Amino acid sequence: MAKSTIQYICQSCGAKVPQMLGRCPVCGEWGSITEETVQPAKASRIAARSGQTQAVRLQEVTAQAEPRIDMRSGELNRVLGGGLVPGSIVLLGGEPGIGKSTLALQVLMQMGERKTLYASGEESIHQLKLRAERLAGNPENLYIVAETSLERILQQADEIAPDIVVVDSIQTIGTEAIEAGIGSLSQVRECAARILQYAKEKNVPFIIVGHITKEGSLAGPKVLEHIVDTVMQFEGDQHYMYRILRAQKNRFGSTSELGIFEMRQDGLREVTNPSELLLSSNHEGLSGIAIAAAVEGVRPLLIEVQALVSSAAYGTPQRSSTGFDGRRLNMLLAVLEKRVGFKLLQKDVFLNIAGGIRVNDPAIDLAVLAAVLSSNMDMALDRETALAGEVGLAGEIRPVSRLDQRIQEAQKLGFRRIIVPFGQQFAPAKGIKVITVKKVADAFRLLFSQHHETETDSISTRS
């Protein structure tokens, strides 16, 4: 009989060290090394889903298209790739208080005809009842259990036979198979493996809520992300009402989809047309505001880029951005100085993406520079003009993806003009004028023109 062994494991990065240390030699984290008792591996292994023990020809296997489970949420179905696949495991991560538990409970409450189980290791059943009343729902087929033992949770699942199981959260669940403390790397790894085995054998989908570290990555061993089928990140600023659901991994769909929710007093509400909510209508005549036609995933968004340029009060200029990559902002400011000739060395530059969302689309580069220059010159941009273009280091406007969708979204929201890269093909659109530019200087010449020559070659500026 193999005996159990004691290992010293860093709870931050998962590194194993030979003895107890105050600081992890791998990641440098202080006080993260703990002592864990590791049991010998058992002979049993997770059975294959098909039950085959021999290799078979791929041509001999008949694919069975299993219908996906409708989650009664268009935004969630979009991110999942059309619904929840039976027998799959979904890992939902996010910062504390962002709304992970609210999203999971609200989704189960909307599925009244299906039998569901919500297992919480963080709240009691009375606290879950209070949260359900706040969400204004009282479904008949939703079962709740406050339990931290994985064995008892799976026993309840055997008795109830639910269609969907939610475990909130994986860091608060432990198994009796190992002696490590709840929340340790060994416990998280073992519990995830046990849930995987149960989900594949019973063909029951699981939604697992997970914590994240201070760096923003999912807490626990990296093998946790490899075990699950889908990894979703629920993000947003707690000071704003909007929440974004992204798929970082999806075995049954695309990872480019994106879902947007609005946090309200009675729960999360789906945002079907986020562009109308992200744009404000009271910025006419104000400088430092530009409208960017962005695409997040495959969804076009019109967002408001705000910039403030002022003289550096303390000698050293500041560069601050919210919702936009700060390093890319520095690069764009260097392009603005080198290629266009505007000196911003002794000025503070503050950039903000309105609505509290974070945008990674490089096509908003042109709008960022336009907003910065508008604030620097104290000249307002035309509120009926949108911009879409990636800015290169040589000051050229590079092509962007899904240009037709950007133009259609701007036209749908009433914009009369949109500035896009030169030479890129796009379908003709009615009701909106598409203006192509080659360089950043050409775009600025159109945006800040003081004379109305003709509407075909200049843009009217409202100041």
Foldseek 3Di string as FASTA:
>chain_A
DDDKDKWKAFQFAGDTDPDDDQADPPPGDGPRIDIFIGDDDDPDDQADLVNDPDDDDPVVDDDDDDDADDLVDPQVCQQQARHHFFLAEEEEEEAPPLQPVLVVVLSVQVPQVFAEEEEEQPDQPVVVVVLVVQLVGDHDRYHYYHDQELVVVVVVCVVSVGQEYEYHALQSHAYPPTDGDRNGQVRSVVSLSVSSSVSSHSRHYYYHYFYADPVGHTGHHPVSVVSGQWYWYWDFDPVFFKIKIFTPHHNNHDRQRMFMWGQDSNGIDGDPACQVVQDDDPCFLFALWAWAFFARRNATHIWIKGKAKAFAPPQAAAQEEALEDRVVVVLLVVLCCPQVNDDRRGIHMYMYTGRGHHDDFQQCSLVNVRSHVRNVVVFHWDPLEYETFHADSNQWTDAGPPPQNSVVSSQVVQRAEYEGAPPDDYDDDPRHHYHHDTGSNLVVCQGPPPDPPDPNRHDDGGD
